[in-house]
Amino acid sequence: MRIVIAGAHGQIALRLGRLLDEADHRVIGIVRNPMHGPDLANAGIETVVLDLEKVTASQLVPVLRGADVVIFAAGAGPGSGAERKDTVDRAAAALVADAAQNAGVSRYILISAMGVDTEPPAGTDDVFRVYLQAKAASETDLKDRDMDWLILRPGLLTNEDGVGRVELAESVPRGEISRDDVAAVLAELIASDVSRVTLELAGGDVPIAEAVARLA
């Protein structure tokens, strides 16, 4: 398959790219910083340098055309302000979806976050509140599109080694999940025909392949 990852230098994206490359898929990664090219190459990802906060959907179409699936893994990142939470986590997600539809790509996977559909607890940092609102808006936008969309909401991310066992369903208790296991779940979902569902993900006891197979 030809797979395009927007935000390919993220920690989950690099892990996913490596897994997809090992499975003999062609992986194209969109990043805004050309200095990230060597990291992508080491993960088996071809680099396309584009700033998702500046390009138009029409400029993205040539990159996405012919893709079997597009994954939105971009994010404003730690330390960014409320404005960029909106321009990246909401607006860029919609931009990539627009371009995917214009390019004739029907499969679109959005990496979201657990808790976007509930009111944040009192005292939640204002920037994090905007981040959750931006993710929620990007989910709503995607669900309104005529695409084979899939939304994945991981729990609290860690850098622990993956264990290959998870809880994956439309609703699961909040919990931690390693970035290794998130990437492995995404790779399994890409190989499946699961679509038009919002899934929550946390660490658990079910082998990843089995957890995805249960969704069929």
Protein backbone atom coordinates (compact mmCIF):
# COMPACT_ATOMS: atom_id res chain seq x y z
CA MET A 1 0.00 0.00 0.00
CA ARG A 2 0.92 3.65 -0.41
CA ILE A 3 0.45 5.35 2.95
CA VAL A 4 0.81 9.05 3.70
CA ILE A 5 1.41 10.29 7.24
CA ALA A 6 0.85 13.96 8.01
CA GLY A 7 3.05 14.94 10.94
CA ALA A 8 5.47 12.11 10.27
CA HIS A 9 8.15 13.22 12.72
CA GLY A 10 5.94 12.66 15.75
CA GLN A 11 6.89 9.89 18.14
CA ILE A 12 3.95 7.67 17.19
CA ALA A 13 4.35 8.44 13.49
CA LEU A 14 8.02 7.45 13.37
CA ARG A 15 7.24 4.17 15.11
CA LEU A 16 4.34 3.54 12.74
CA GLY A 17 6.40 4.37 9.68
CA ARG A 18 9.03 1.86 10.71
CA LEU A 19 6.41 -0.88 11.16
CA LEU A 20 4.80 -0.11 7.81
CA ASP A 21 8.15 -0.06 6.03
CA GLU A 22 9.00 -3.44 7.55
CA ALA A 23 5.70 -4.72 6.12
CA ASP A 24 6.81 -3.54 2.65
CA HIS A 25 4.43 -0.61 2.36
CA ARG A 26 5.52 2.64 0.75
CA VAL A 27 5.33 5.36 3.39
CA ILE A 28 5.38 9.08 2.60
CA GLY A 29 5.76 11.49 5.48
CA ILE A 30 4.75 15.15 5.49
CA VAL A 31 6.86 17.37 7.75
CA ARG A 32 7.48 21.11 7.84
CA ASN A 33 11.12 20.94 8.93
CA PRO A 34 13.58 19.63 6.30
CA MET A 35 16.01 18.80 9.11
CA HIS A 36 13.71 15.93 10.06
CA GLY A 37 14.43 14.12 6.79
CA PRO A 38 17.22 11.87 8.15
CA ASP A 39 15.02 10.68 11.04
CA LEU A 40 12.27 9.80 8.58
CA ALA A 41 14.71 8.04 6.27
CA ASN A 42 15.96 5.93 9.19
CA ALA A 43 12.35 4.82 9.74
CA GLY A 44 11.85 3.98 6.06
CA ILE A 45 9.70 7.05 5.37
CA GLU A 46 10.01 9.21 2.25
CA THR A 47 10.07 12.90 3.15
CA VAL A 48 7.82 15.61 1.72
CA VAL A 49 8.42 19.07 3.21
CA LEU A 50 5.20 21.09 3.51
CA ASP A 51 3.91 23.37 6.25
CA LEU A 52 0.32 22.37 6.95
CA GLU A 53 -0.36 25.80 8.44
CA LYS A 54 0.57 27.52 5.17
CA VAL A 55 -0.26 25.25 2.23
CA THR A 56 -3.59 24.92 0.47
CA ALA A 57 -5.55 21.74 -0.10
CA SER A 58 -4.74 21.91 -3.81
CA GLN A 59 -1.02 21.96 -3.01
CA LEU A 60 -1.43 18.79 -0.96
CA VAL A 61 -3.39 16.88 -3.59
CA PRO A 62 -0.34 15.70 -5.62
CA VAL A 63 1.22 14.26 -2.46
CA LEU A 64 -1.94 12.37 -1.48
CA ARG A 65 -3.06 11.21 -4.92
CA GLY A 66 -2.77 7.43 -5.23
CA ALA A 67 -2.58 6.83 -1.49
CA ASP A 68 -4.50 3.93 0.00
CA VAL A 69 -4.79 5.64 3.36
CA VAL A 70 -3.90 9.00 4.90
CA ILE A 71 -3.07 9.27 8.60
CA PHE A 72 -3.23 12.57 10.45
CA ALA A 73 -0.63 12.40 13.21
CA ALA A 74 0.31 16.08 13.29
CA GLY A 75 0.07 18.21 16.41
CA ALA A 76 1.21 21.59 17.60
CA GLY A 77 3.29 19.86 20.24
CA PRO A 78 4.28 20.67 23.83
CA GLY A 79 4.94 24.31 24.54
CA SER A 80 2.75 25.63 21.74
CA GLY A 81 0.02 28.13 22.52
CA ALA A 82 -3.72 27.98 22.12
CA GLU A 83 -3.65 29.52 18.64
CA ARG A 84 -1.51 26.73 17.19
CA LYS A 85 -3.60 24.06 18.90
CA ASP A 86 -6.40 25.33 16.69
CA THR A 87 -4.43 25.89 13.49
CA VAL A 88 -2.76 22.46 13.62
CA ASP A 89 -4.96 20.09 15.60
CA ARG A 90 -8.20 21.34 14.03
CA ALA A 91 -7.58 23.35 10.87
CA ALA A 92 -4.72 21.26 9.48
CA ALA A 93 -6.66 18.04 10.10
CA ALA A 94 -9.55 19.43 8.05
CA LEU A 95 -7.16 20.68 5.36
CA VAL A 96 -5.62 17.24 4.93
CA ALA A 97 -9.08 15.67 4.80
CA ASP A 98 -10.12 18.17 2.11
CA ALA A 99 -7.03 17.32 0.09
CA ALA A 100 -7.57 13.59 0.54
CA GLN A 101 -11.10 13.83 -0.81
CA ASN A 102 -9.94 15.98 -3.72
CA ALA A 103 -7.23 13.41 -4.45
CA GLY A 104 -9.73 10.54 -4.42
CA VAL A 105 -8.45 8.98 -1.19
CA SER A 106 -11.29 7.52 0.85
CA ARG A 107 -9.48 6.13 3.93
CA TYR A 108 -8.48 8.67 6.57
CA ILE A 109 -7.28 7.89 10.09
CA LEU A 110 -7.23 10.63 12.69
CA ILE A 111 -5.14 10.23 15.84
CA SER A 112 -7.15 12.05 18.49
CA ALA A 113 -7.11 11.81 22.28
CA MET A 114 -9.15 10.23 25.01
CA GLY A 115 -11.36 12.69 26.85
CA VAL A 116 -12.20 15.04 23.98
CA ASP A 117 -15.91 14.32 24.33
CA THR A 118 -16.16 15.17 28.03
CA GLU A 119 -15.88 18.42 29.94
CA PRO A 120 -12.33 18.86 31.28
CA PRO A 121 -12.10 18.86 35.07
CA ALA A 122 -11.98 22.15 36.92
CA GLY A 123 -8.53 23.68 36.89
CA THR A 124 -7.58 22.28 33.49
CA ASP A 125 -4.93 24.41 31.81
CA ASP A 126 -6.49 26.77 29.25
CA VAL A 127 -4.16 25.68 26.45
CA PHE A 128 -4.93 22.02 27.08
CA ARG A 129 -8.63 22.86 27.09
CA VAL A 130 -8.23 24.45 23.64
CA TYR A 131 -6.33 21.36 22.49
CA LEU A 132 -9.21 19.10 23.51
CA GLN A 133 -11.69 21.42 21.81
CA ALA A 134 -9.60 21.38 18.63
CA LYS A 135 -9.46 17.59 18.61
CA ALA A 136 -13.20 17.38 19.21
CA ALA A 137 -13.84 19.75 16.32
CA SER A 138 -11.59 17.74 14.02
CA GLU A 139 -13.50 14.57 14.95
CA THR A 140 -16.85 16.22 14.21
CA ASP A 141 -15.59 17.52 10.87
CA LEU A 142 -14.35 14.09 9.85
CA LYS A 143 -17.57 12.30 10.78
CA ASP A 144 -19.50 14.62 8.48
CA ARG A 145 -17.44 13.58 5.46
CA ASP A 146 -18.21 10.84 2.95
CA MET A 147 -15.02 8.93 3.71
CA ASP A 148 -13.98 5.64 5.28
CA TRP A 149 -12.80 7.54 8.33
CA LEU A 150 -11.43 6.08 11.54
CA ILE A 151 -10.69 7.95 14.77
CA LEU A 152 -8.29 6.52 17.34
CA ARG A 153 -8.20 8.01 20.85
CA PRO A 154 -5.21 6.75 22.83
CA GLY A 155 -5.01 7.18 26.57
CA LEU A 156 -2.07 8.72 28.42
CA LEU A 157 0.98 8.12 26.23
CA THR A 158 4.22 6.68 27.61
CA ASN A 159 7.60 5.76 26.17
CA GLU A 160 7.65 2.34 27.81
CA ASP A 161 8.38 -0.64 25.58
CA GLY A 162 5.27 -2.02 23.92
CA VAL A 163 3.79 -5.20 25.33
CA GLY A 164 1.43 -5.99 22.45
CA ARG A 165 -1.68 -6.22 24.64
CA VAL A 166 -4.36 -3.56 24.77
CA GLU A 167 -7.94 -2.59 25.40
CA LEU A 168 -9.51 -1.36 22.15
CA ALA A 169 -13.20 -0.54 21.79
CA GLU A 170 -15.59 2.36 21.33
CA SER A 171 -15.26 3.01 25.05
CA VAL A 172 -12.56 1.77 27.44
CA PRO A 173 -11.49 2.90 30.92
CA ARG A 174 -8.89 5.63 30.86
CA GLY A 175 -5.37 4.38 31.25
CA GLU A 176 -1.83 4.53 29.95
CA ILE A 177 -0.69 3.16 26.61
CA SER A 178 2.82 3.03 25.20
CA ARG A 179 3.56 4.78 21.93
CA ASP A 180 4.96 1.45 20.68
CA ASP A 181 1.57 -0.17 21.18
CA VAL A 182 -0.34 2.74 19.64
CA ALA A 183 1.79 2.42 16.51
CA ALA A 184 1.27 -1.35 16.42
CA VAL A 185 -2.50 -0.91 16.75
CA LEU A 186 -2.50 1.63 13.92
CA ALA A 187 -0.55 -0.74 11.69
CA GLU A 188 -3.06 -3.51 12.41
CA LEU A 189 -6.00 -1.17 11.76
CA ILE A 190 -4.52 -0.09 8.44
CA ALA A 191 -4.37 -3.74 7.38
CA SER A 192 -8.02 -4.22 8.40
CA ASP A 193 -11.26 -2.92 6.91
CA VAL A 194 -12.43 -1.27 10.14
CA SER A 195 -13.93 2.13 9.37
CA ARG A 196 -16.48 4.77 10.42
CA VAL A 197 -15.94 4.20 14.11
CA THR A 198 -14.31 6.06 17.00
CA LEU A 199 -12.08 3.79 19.07
CA GLU A 200 -10.50 4.32 22.46
CA LEU A 201 -7.22 2.64 23.31
CA ALA A 202 -5.44 1.82 26.56
CA GLY A 203 -3.13 -0.84 27.88
CA GLY A 204 -4.83 -4.16 28.53
CA ASP A 205 -4.72 -7.93 28.23
CA VAL A 206 -5.88 -8.60 24.66
CA PRO A 207 -3.27 -9.24 21.96
CA ILE A 208 -3.37 -6.44 19.39
CA ALA A 209 -4.30 -8.62 16.41
CA GLU A 210 -7.13 -10.16 18.38
CA ALA A 211 -8.35 -6.77 19.62
CA VAL A 212 -8.60 -5.49 16.03
CA ALA A 213 -10.17 -8.71 14.77
CA ARG A 214 -12.94 -8.35 17.37
CA LEU A 215 -14.00 -5.10 15.68
CA ALA A 216 -14.90 -6.81 12.40
